[in-house]
C-alpha cells in the first residue's frame, strides 16, 4: 500500500498532462536532501532504454552539483554508463547470466559483490526507472539514510514493460502520462525528487564520447565518406525491406558515399550480405562492440537505421541521423532534441525510399 507521501507525489505528477512536463508543486517535493546527496539509479536494460535514461543524470547534477550518483546496469552496458563523468560508480547487474549458472560458486560470489556494493553507502535517494519487480527489489535492498525515498513508476506507459507489483516496493510511486517519451519518463521521476520541471533539452554522453574509438584499428580502412545503415533488429516487425535498402543505398552511392552494413549475429550478417549484393560498392563490416560503434558513428556522414539501440546512440550523439519506424510508436523513442535528427514512418506506417532519402539529405543540409 502506498504511503500518504506517495499518493501526494503521484497526484502531483499526474498534473503533467499529455506533454509529460511536470510542474513543480510543494506536494511534488516532499524530500529534504543534503547539498551533496548520494543517489542510486536503477535502470538495467535495454540498450536504447539505458541511453534514454542518461538525461536523468544531468538533471540531478544540475540540481545538486556535488551529487554522488551511482548506477546499477546490466553488465554489458557498464562501459556505456562509464561515459558519463557525473556517475561516480557503476554497479554491474547480471541476472540473466546468473540464472543460467545458479549452482556456480562464481555466480554467488558476484551476487555477494553486488550486495556489498549496494550496502557500501547510505543513499539519500533511489530512483528505479525500470518498473519491474526484480529491479524494484534491488532498489529496496540498497542501504538508505533515514527517510530516504525510493522513487519509481506508479503506472504503466504505452508500449513499455511494467509490473504493477513493483510499486508496492517504492516509498513514492510517481504517476506519469501514459503517452510519455522514454527520455521524459525518467526525467519526470527525477523531477519528483528535484522539484524542477525537465524543460531543457536532454543531455546524454560526456565529451569523451565524441572521439571514442575514432582511431580504433578496426576502422583503419574506412572510406573518407560513408553512410552507416543499421538494418538489423531482433524484432522482424521493425525491419525495413531489403529492396528498400537496395534503392536507398544506390542513391547514397550515386552521391559518392560508401554504404557500410553492420551486423551482430550470423542471421544479421546474411541479411547484410543480401543488402550489399544490391548496392554498388557497399561493404559488410566486421563485428564490433557497442563502444567501438561510437567511432564508426562519429565519423559517418549520415546514419540511417531502424528502431534499435545503436540508432538511438547516433541520435544521442546528435550525428546526422534518420530513424526509421515501421512497427513501433515513433513518439515513444524518436530523437527530438536536434535538427540533425529526422524520424520517418510510424507504427504500421512504413516510410518510402523517397521519404528516407529526403530525410538523409535534410539532416546533412544538402539538396535532395
Protein backbone atom coordinates (compact mmCIF):
# COMPACT_ATOMS: atom_id res chain seq x y z
CA UNK A 1 0.00 0.00 0.00
CA UNK A 2 1.33 3.43 -0.90
CA UNK A 3 2.22 5.89 1.83
CA UNK A 4 0.38 9.22 2.03
CA UNK A 5 3.55 10.87 0.74
CA UNK A 6 3.49 8.52 -2.28
CA UNK A 7 -0.10 9.41 -3.02
CA UNK A 8 0.63 13.16 -2.91
CA UNK A 9 3.61 12.76 -5.23
CA UNK A 10 1.61 10.65 -7.63
CA UNK A 11 -1.24 13.13 -7.81
CA UNK A 12 1.20 15.98 -8.49
CA UNK A 13 2.85 14.07 -11.29
CA UNK A 14 -0.48 13.33 -12.89
CA UNK A 15 -0.83 17.09 -13.43
CA UNK A 16 1.92 16.81 -16.04
CA UNK A 17 -0.68 16.26 -18.74
CA UNK A 18 -0.13 14.94 -22.25
CA UNK A 19 3.12 16.85 -22.73
CA UNK A 20 4.83 14.88 -19.98
CA UNK A 21 6.20 18.06 -18.38
CA UNK A 22 5.98 18.03 -14.60
CA UNK A 23 5.04 21.34 -13.00
CA UNK A 24 6.69 21.51 -9.58
CA UNK A 25 4.33 21.98 -6.64
CA UNK A 26 5.02 21.77 -2.89
CA UNK A 27 3.34 18.36 -2.75
CA UNK A 28 5.63 17.07 -5.50
CA UNK A 29 8.78 17.84 -3.47
CA UNK A 30 8.31 16.18 -0.07
CA UNK A 31 12.04 15.41 0.26
CA UNK A 32 14.88 17.12 2.06
CA UNK A 33 18.27 16.08 0.71
CA UNK A 34 21.76 17.21 1.72
CA UNK A 35 23.78 19.52 -0.53
CA UNK A 36 25.87 16.55 -1.73
CA UNK A 37 23.31 13.76 -1.86
CA UNK A 38 24.17 10.18 -2.69
CA UNK A 39 21.69 8.91 -5.27
CA UNK A 40 21.35 5.43 -6.74
CA UNK A 41 19.83 4.93 -10.19
CA UNK A 42 18.48 1.52 -11.15
CA UNK A 43 18.00 1.10 -14.90
CA UNK A 44 19.47 -2.16 -16.12
CA UNK A 45 18.43 -2.53 -19.77
CA UNK A 46 17.91 -2.44 -22.72
CA UNK A 47 20.50 -0.55 -24.79
CA UNK A 48 18.12 2.14 -26.02
CA UNK A 49 16.45 2.48 -22.62
CA UNK A 50 19.82 2.90 -20.90
CA UNK A 51 20.72 5.68 -23.34
CA UNK A 52 17.36 7.36 -22.80
CA UNK A 53 17.87 7.24 -19.02
CA UNK A 54 21.09 9.28 -19.23
CA UNK A 55 19.50 12.77 -19.18
CA UNK A 56 18.30 11.95 -15.67
CA UNK A 57 21.94 12.07 -14.51
CA UNK A 58 22.41 15.57 -15.93
CA UNK A 59 19.13 16.74 -14.39
CA UNK A 60 20.22 15.57 -10.94
CA UNK A 61 23.64 17.19 -11.24
CA UNK A 62 22.01 20.43 -12.42
CA UNK A 63 20.05 20.48 -9.16
CA UNK A 64 22.89 19.25 -6.92
CA UNK A 65 26.29 19.97 -8.47
CA UNK A 66 28.02 17.81 -5.89
CA UNK A 67 25.66 14.86 -6.09
CA UNK A 68 27.34 11.44 -5.92
CA UNK A 69 25.44 9.29 -8.39
CA UNK A 70 25.76 5.52 -8.69
CA UNK A 71 24.02 3.48 -11.40
CA UNK A 72 23.14 -0.21 -11.47
CA UNK A 73 23.02 -1.56 -15.04
CA UNK A 74 23.35 -4.82 -16.97
CA UNK A 75 26.99 -5.85 -17.17
CA UNK A 76 27.07 -5.43 -20.96
CA UNK A 77 26.31 -1.71 -20.61
CA UNK A 78 28.77 -0.86 -17.83
CA UNK A 79 31.23 0.70 -20.29
CA UNK A 80 28.42 2.75 -21.80
CA UNK A 81 27.37 4.26 -18.48
CA UNK A 82 31.00 5.00 -17.62
CA UNK A 83 30.96 7.51 -20.47
CA UNK A 84 29.05 9.80 -18.10
CA UNK A 85 31.65 11.59 -15.99
CA UNK A 86 28.94 12.54 -13.49
CA UNK A 87 28.43 8.91 -12.49
CA UNK A 88 30.66 8.04 -9.55
CA UNK A 89 30.25 4.28 -9.56
CA UNK A 90 28.68 1.75 -11.96
CA UNK A 91 27.35 -1.42 -10.35
CA UNK A 92 27.05 -4.38 -12.77
CA UNK A 93 23.87 -6.45 -12.77
CA UNK A 94 23.89 -9.87 -14.48
CA UNK A 95 20.65 -11.60 -13.53
CA UNK A 96 20.24 -13.27 -16.93
CA UNK A 97 23.66 -14.89 -16.69
CA UNK A 98 23.26 -15.72 -13.00
CA UNK A 99 20.04 -17.59 -13.72
CA UNK A 100 21.86 -19.84 -16.18
CA UNK A 101 24.63 -20.61 -13.65
CA UNK A 102 22.70 -20.65 -10.40
CA UNK A 103 24.79 -23.52 -8.92
CA UNK A 104 28.13 -21.96 -9.84
CA UNK A 105 30.17 -20.64 -6.88
CA UNK A 106 31.34 -17.77 -9.04
CA UNK A 107 27.74 -16.66 -9.51
CA UNK A 108 27.14 -16.38 -5.79
CA UNK A 109 30.44 -14.58 -5.32
CA UNK A 110 29.31 -11.99 -7.86
CA UNK A 111 25.91 -11.68 -6.18
CA UNK A 112 27.72 -11.07 -2.91
CA UNK A 113 29.83 -8.36 -4.53
CA UNK A 114 26.72 -6.59 -5.80
CA UNK A 115 25.12 -6.90 -2.36
CA UNK A 116 28.21 -5.35 -0.81
CA UNK A 117 28.20 -2.52 -3.36
CA UNK A 118 24.58 -1.69 -2.52
CA UNK A 119 25.34 -1.67 1.20
CA UNK A 120 28.58 0.29 0.96
CA UNK A 121 26.96 3.74 1.24
CA UNK A 122 23.77 5.12 2.68
CA UNK A 123 21.85 6.58 -0.23
CA UNK A 124 19.81 9.73 0.24
CA UNK A 125 17.50 8.69 -2.63
CA UNK A 126 16.99 5.79 -5.02
CA UNK A 127 15.33 6.21 -8.42
CA UNK A 128 14.17 2.95 -10.03
CA UNK A 129 13.09 3.73 -13.59
CA UNK A 130 12.76 0.18 -14.98
CA UNK A 131 9.38 -0.55 -13.42
CA UNK A 132 9.96 -4.28 -12.90
CA UNK A 133 9.67 -6.35 -9.75
CA UNK A 134 13.29 -7.57 -9.92
CA UNK A 135 14.68 -4.05 -10.18
CA UNK A 136 12.33 -2.74 -7.51
CA UNK A 137 13.64 -5.46 -5.19
CA UNK A 138 17.20 -4.34 -5.94
CA UNK A 139 16.25 -0.75 -5.16
CA UNK A 140 14.65 -1.84 -1.89
CA UNK A 141 17.76 -3.73 -0.88
CA UNK A 142 20.07 -0.73 -1.17
CA UNK A 143 21.25 0.86 2.08
CA UNK A 144 19.43 4.15 2.63
CA UNK A 145 19.64 7.05 5.00
CA UNK A 146 16.74 7.53 7.38
CA UNK A 147 13.68 8.67 5.44
CA UNK A 148 15.39 8.33 2.05
CA UNK A 149 12.83 7.75 -0.73
CA UNK A 150 12.68 5.00 -3.30
CA UNK A 151 11.08 6.67 -6.32
CA UNK A 152 9.59 4.57 -9.10
CA UNK A 153 6.86 4.49 -11.71
CA UNK A 154 3.35 4.41 -10.35
CA UNK A 155 1.77 3.22 -13.59
CA UNK A 156 2.49 1.66 -16.96
CA UNK A 157 3.14 3.79 -20.03
CA UNK A 158 2.07 2.74 -23.51
CA UNK A 159 4.41 0.25 -25.16
CA UNK A 160 6.63 -0.27 -22.12
CA UNK A 161 7.11 -3.22 -19.84
CA UNK A 162 5.76 -2.65 -16.33
CA UNK A 163 4.92 -4.90 -13.39
CA UNK A 164 2.33 -3.31 -11.07
CA UNK A 165 3.66 -5.20 -8.02
CA UNK A 166 6.86 -3.14 -8.29
CA UNK A 167 5.17 -0.02 -6.98
CA UNK A 168 4.48 -1.75 -3.66
CA UNK A 169 8.23 -1.67 -3.03
CA UNK A 170 8.61 2.08 -3.64
CA UNK A 171 8.13 4.66 -0.92
CA UNK A 172 6.97 7.07 -3.63
CA UNK A 173 5.25 5.82 -6.78
CA UNK A 174 5.03 8.60 -9.37
CA UNK A 175 2.27 8.50 -11.95
CA UNK A 176 3.21 9.80 -15.39
CA UNK A 177 1.10 10.34 -18.53
CA UNK A 178 0.55 7.04 -20.32
CA UNK A 179 1.84 8.56 -23.54
CA UNK A 180 5.28 9.68 -22.40
CA UNK A 181 8.55 9.60 -24.33
CA UNK A 182 11.15 7.20 -22.93
CA UNK A 183 13.53 10.09 -22.11
CA UNK A 184 10.83 12.18 -20.47
CA UNK A 185 9.56 9.29 -18.36
CA UNK A 186 12.88 9.00 -16.50
CA UNK A 187 13.22 12.78 -16.25
CA UNK A 188 9.79 13.00 -14.61
CA UNK A 189 10.90 10.62 -11.88
CA UNK A 190 13.92 12.84 -11.30
CA UNK A 191 11.70 15.94 -11.28
CA UNK A 192 9.66 14.41 -8.48
CA UNK A 193 12.87 14.40 -6.45
CA UNK A 194 14.34 17.75 -7.53
CA UNK A 195 11.12 19.74 -7.90
CA UNK A 196 12.49 21.17 -11.16
CA UNK A 197 10.50 20.66 -14.35
CA UNK A 198 12.55 18.94 -17.11
CA UNK A 199 12.20 21.68 -19.70
CA UNK A 200 15.78 21.96 -21.03
CA UNK A 201 16.83 19.74 -23.96
CA UNK A 202 18.10 16.38 -22.73
CA UNK A 203 21.85 15.80 -22.43
CA UNK A 204 23.36 12.36 -22.91
CA UNK A 205 27.05 11.45 -23.12
CA UNK A 206 30.10 13.30 -21.90
CA UNK A 207 32.62 14.91 -24.26
CA UNK A 208 34.78 11.77 -24.42
CA UNK A 209 32.05 10.01 -26.40
CA UNK A 210 32.63 12.31 -29.37
CA UNK A 211 36.08 10.83 -30.03
CA UNK A 212 35.66 7.36 -28.54
CA UNK A 213 37.25 4.69 -30.76
CA UNK A 214 37.51 7.00 -33.79
CA UNK A 215 41.14 5.84 -34.12
CA UNK A 216 40.38 2.20 -33.40
CA UNK A 217 42.44 -0.12 -35.68
CA UNK A 218 39.17 -1.79 -36.65
CA UNK A 219 38.24 1.39 -38.52
CA UNK A 220 41.65 1.95 -40.08
CA UNK A 221 40.49 1.42 -43.66
CA UNK A 222 37.15 3.22 -43.59
CA UNK A 223 36.39 5.25 -46.73
CA UNK A 224 36.53 9.06 -46.40
CA UNK A 225 32.76 9.40 -46.99
CA UNK A 226 30.32 6.79 -45.83
CA UNK A 227 26.80 6.11 -44.57
CA UNK A 228 26.12 3.57 -41.83
CA UNK A 229 22.90 1.61 -42.27
CA UNK A 230 21.68 -0.13 -39.12
CA UNK A 231 19.34 -2.56 -40.83
CA UNK A 232 19.37 -5.33 -38.21
CA UNK A 233 16.87 -5.90 -35.43
CA UNK A 234 15.77 -8.93 -33.43
CA UNK A 235 12.15 -7.89 -33.95
CA UNK A 236 11.21 -8.78 -37.53
CA UNK A 237 8.32 -6.30 -37.44
CA UNK A 238 10.78 -3.40 -37.17
CA UNK A 239 12.70 -4.31 -40.32
CA UNK A 240 12.71 -2.24 -43.49
CA UNK A 241 12.50 -4.36 -46.66
CA UNK A 242 15.72 -5.39 -48.39
CA UNK A 243 14.61 -3.84 -51.69
CA UNK A 244 14.19 -0.53 -49.87
CA UNK A 245 17.77 -0.72 -48.59
CA UNK A 246 18.90 -1.53 -52.15
CA UNK A 247 17.18 1.57 -53.52
CA UNK A 248 18.35 3.86 -50.72
CA UNK A 249 21.91 2.51 -50.82
CA UNK A 250 22.12 3.02 -54.57
CA UNK A 251 21.07 6.67 -54.23
CA UNK A 252 23.63 7.25 -51.50
CA UNK A 253 26.29 5.52 -53.60
CA UNK A 254 25.44 7.83 -56.50
CA UNK A 255 26.45 10.71 -54.18
CA UNK A 256 29.82 9.11 -53.57
CA UNK A 257 29.01 7.62 -50.16
CA UNK A 258 30.06 4.07 -49.34
CA UNK A 259 27.26 2.19 -47.59
CA UNK A 260 28.53 0.27 -44.54
CA UNK A 261 26.47 -2.58 -43.15
CA UNK A 262 26.88 -3.69 -39.51
CA UNK A 263 25.62 -6.98 -38.05
CA UNK A 264 25.55 -8.75 -34.70
CA UNK A 265 24.63 -12.36 -35.45
CA UNK A 266 25.01 -14.89 -38.25
CA UNK A 267 21.47 -14.20 -39.39
CA UNK A 268 22.11 -10.46 -39.44
CA UNK A 269 25.33 -11.00 -41.36
CA UNK A 270 23.44 -12.91 -44.04
CA UNK A 271 20.95 -10.03 -44.23
CA UNK A 272 23.85 -7.59 -44.59
CA UNK A 273 25.30 -9.66 -47.43
CA UNK A 274 21.91 -9.65 -49.14
CA UNK A 275 21.74 -5.86 -48.94
CA UNK A 276 25.35 -5.49 -50.07
CA UNK A 277 24.61 -7.52 -53.20
CA UNK A 278 22.21 -4.83 -54.41
CA UNK A 279 24.18 -1.69 -53.53
CA UNK A 280 27.24 -0.57 -55.53
CA UNK A 281 30.47 -0.61 -53.51
CA UNK A 282 28.66 -1.41 -50.24
CA UNK A 283 30.69 -3.13 -47.53
CA UNK A 284 29.77 -5.57 -44.78
CA UNK A 285 31.64 -4.55 -41.65
CA UNK A 286 33.45 -6.83 -39.19
CA UNK A 287 31.66 -7.47 -35.92
CA UNK A 288 32.22 -4.74 -33.33
CA UNK A 289 31.28 -3.84 -29.76
CA UNK A 290 28.84 -1.13 -28.74
CA UNK A 291 31.70 1.13 -27.65
CA UNK A 292 33.59 0.56 -30.91
CA UNK A 293 30.40 1.60 -32.65
CA UNK A 294 30.92 5.15 -31.36
CA UNK A 295 33.99 5.52 -33.57
CA UNK A 296 32.02 4.31 -36.59
CA UNK A 297 29.07 6.61 -35.89
CA UNK A 298 31.13 9.71 -35.13
CA UNK A 299 32.95 9.55 -38.48
CA UNK A 300 29.83 8.84 -40.57
CA UNK A 301 28.36 11.44 -42.92
CA UNK A 302 24.93 10.06 -42.12
CA UNK A 303 23.48 7.22 -40.05
CA UNK A 304 20.25 5.53 -41.10
CA UNK A 305 18.60 2.74 -39.17
CA UNK A 306 15.55 1.05 -37.78
CA UNK A 307 14.31 1.41 -34.19
CA UNK A 308 17.23 -0.16 -32.29
CA UNK A 309 19.73 0.82 -29.61
CA UNK A 310 22.55 1.80 -31.97
CA UNK A 311 20.41 4.26 -33.91
CA UNK A 312 19.39 5.83 -30.60
CA UNK A 313 23.08 6.20 -29.73
CA UNK A 314 23.61 8.03 -33.03
CA UNK A 315 20.72 10.35 -32.20
CA UNK A 316 22.03 10.90 -28.65
CA UNK A 317 25.38 11.91 -30.18
CA UNK A 318 23.47 14.37 -32.40
CA UNK A 319 25.05 12.93 -35.53
CA UNK A 320 23.09 13.31 -38.80
CA UNK A 321 20.61 10.52 -38.11
CA UNK A 322 17.50 9.10 -39.75
CA UNK A 323 15.37 6.84 -37.55
CA UNK A 324 13.07 4.51 -39.46
CA UNK A 325 9.87 3.36 -37.72
CA UNK A 326 7.66 0.62 -39.12
CA UNK A 327 6.02 -1.22 -36.22
CA UNK A 328 6.58 0.91 -33.11
CA UNK A 329 5.23 4.25 -31.97
CA UNK A 330 7.54 7.00 -33.15
CA UNK A 331 6.60 9.36 -30.31
CA UNK A 332 7.91 6.87 -27.75
CA UNK A 333 11.63 6.95 -28.67
CA UNK A 334 12.17 9.46 -31.51
CA UNK A 335 15.04 11.89 -31.31
CA UNK A 336 13.55 15.36 -30.90
CA UNK A 337 16.47 17.36 -29.45
CA UNK A 338 18.38 18.25 -32.64
CA UNK A 339 17.65 19.36 -36.20
CA UNK A 340 20.25 16.79 -37.28
CA UNK A 341 17.80 14.01 -36.40
CA UNK A 342 14.88 13.00 -38.63
CA UNK A 343 12.20 10.46 -37.77
CA UNK A 344 10.20 8.78 -40.53
CA UNK A 345 7.41 6.23 -40.51
CA UNK A 346 5.37 5.12 -37.52
CA UNK A 347 3.58 2.14 -36.09
CA UNK A 348 2.06 0.47 -39.15
CA UNK A 349 3.26 3.26 -41.45
CA UNK A 350 6.29 2.10 -43.44
CA UNK A 351 8.21 5.06 -44.91
CA UNK A 352 9.06 5.11 -48.61
CA UNK A 353 12.59 5.22 -50.02
CA UNK A 354 11.94 8.82 -51.11
CA UNK A 355 10.98 9.83 -47.55
CA UNK A 356 14.07 8.25 -46.05
CA UNK A 357 16.42 9.65 -48.69
CA UNK A 358 14.98 13.15 -48.39
CA UNK A 359 15.39 12.92 -44.60
CA UNK A 360 19.01 11.81 -45.06
CA UNK A 361 19.63 14.87 -47.22
CA UNK A 362 17.88 17.18 -44.78
CA UNK A 363 19.88 16.17 -41.70
CA UNK A 364 23.10 16.70 -43.67
CA UNK A 365 21.96 20.06 -45.01
CA UNK A 366 22.25 19.03 -48.66
CA UNK A 367 19.77 19.27 -51.51
CA UNK A 368 17.78 16.11 -52.17
